[in-house]
Amino acid sequence: MATTKKTATAKKPAAKAPEKKAPAKKAVEKAPAKKAPAKKRITREMIEQRANELWQAGHSQDPLTNWVEAERQLGVFDN
């Protein structure tokens, strides 16, 4: 009986599948940056009017307390 040698056949590496390219992105036009809303200027008269409204509503009999509360409500010290 004749012996046959089995020769190892080297497998070729599998061909890589072609890479899919991502679709080109369309240029997106950016909207202009929005400016921060202008702060409303709070005048002395506005504070005085609100403090008077607080006094009439019975908030406090102390004018300074009403004035400070009016400033707080109107946002005088908001950043």
Protein backbone atom coordinates (compact mmCIF):
# COMPACT_ATOMS: atom_id res chain seq x y z
CA MET A 1 0.00 0.00 0.00
CA ALA A 2 1.38 3.25 -0.98
CA THR A 3 1.42 5.93 1.55
CA THR A 4 0.33 9.27 0.44
CA LYS A 5 1.53 12.28 2.16
CA LYS A 6 -1.03 14.80 2.97
CA THR A 7 0.28 18.15 2.25
CA ALA A 8 -0.98 20.92 4.35
CA THR A 9 -2.69 23.41 2.20
CA ALA A 10 -2.38 26.87 3.54
CA LYS A 11 -5.66 28.65 3.64
CA LYS A 12 -5.65 32.04 2.13
CA PRO A 13 -6.90 34.74 4.44
CA ALA A 14 -10.41 35.74 3.61
CA ALA A 15 -10.62 38.87 1.52
CA LYS A 16 -11.77 41.81 3.57
CA ALA A 17 -15.13 43.19 2.74
CA PRO A 18 -14.85 46.68 1.31
CA GLU A 19 -15.35 49.25 4.05
CA LYS A 20 -18.54 51.22 3.87
CA LYS A 21 -18.02 54.91 3.85
CA ALA A 22 -20.29 57.03 5.94
CA PRO A 23 -22.44 59.33 3.85
CA ALA A 24 -21.02 62.78 3.54
CA LYS A 25 -22.55 65.14 6.06
CA LYS A 26 -24.27 68.14 4.69
CA ALA A 27 -22.96 71.44 5.85
CA VAL A 28 -25.29 72.71 8.52
CA GLU A 29 -25.70 76.43 8.63
CA LYS A 30 -25.48 77.56 12.20
CA ALA A 31 -27.89 80.14 13.48
CA PRO A 32 -26.26 83.28 14.79
CA ALA A 33 -25.55 83.11 18.51
CA LYS A 34 -28.38 84.52 20.56
CA LYS A 35 -27.52 87.48 22.67
CA ALA A 36 -28.49 87.48 26.29
CA PRO A 37 -31.67 89.46 26.79
CA ALA A 38 -31.01 93.00 27.84
CA LYS A 39 -31.63 93.48 31.52
CA LYS A 40 -34.45 95.82 32.34
CA ARG A 41 -33.11 98.86 34.11
CA ILE A 42 -34.71 99.15 37.52
CA THR A 43 -35.15 102.73 38.57
CA ARG A 44 -35.56 104.28 41.98
CA GLU A 45 -39.14 105.15 41.08
CA MET A 46 -39.94 101.50 40.33
CA ILE A 47 -38.60 100.42 43.73
CA GLU A 48 -40.47 103.25 45.44
CA GLN A 49 -43.73 102.27 43.73
CA ARG A 50 -43.38 98.59 44.67
CA ALA A 51 -42.44 99.46 48.26
CA ASN A 52 -45.54 101.64 48.48
CA GLU A 53 -47.69 98.79 47.11
CA LEU A 54 -46.24 96.48 49.76
CA TRP A 55 -47.02 99.04 52.49
CA GLN A 56 -50.61 99.47 51.24
CA ALA A 57 -51.04 95.68 51.20
CA GLY A 58 -50.01 95.60 54.85
CA HIS A 59 -46.66 93.90 54.31
CA SER A 60 -44.82 95.93 56.93
CA GLN A 61 -45.05 99.29 58.62
CA ASP A 62 -41.28 99.71 58.38
CA PRO A 63 -40.39 101.61 55.16
CA LEU A 64 -36.89 100.11 55.01
CA THR A 65 -38.27 96.58 55.17
CA ASN A 66 -40.69 97.35 52.34
CA TRP A 67 -37.91 98.97 50.31
CA VAL A 68 -35.59 95.98 50.66
CA GLU A 69 -38.43 93.58 49.83
CA ALA A 70 -39.30 95.65 46.74
CA GLU A 71 -35.64 95.48 45.62
CA ARG A 72 -35.65 91.72 46.11
CA GLN A 73 -38.89 91.24 44.17
CA LEU A 74 -37.73 93.43 41.31
CA GLY A 75 -34.43 91.57 41.10
CA VAL A 76 -32.13 94.49 41.78
CA PHE A 77 -29.32 92.24 42.94
CA ASP A 78 -29.79 89.38 40.47
CA ASN A 79 -26.70 88.54 38.51
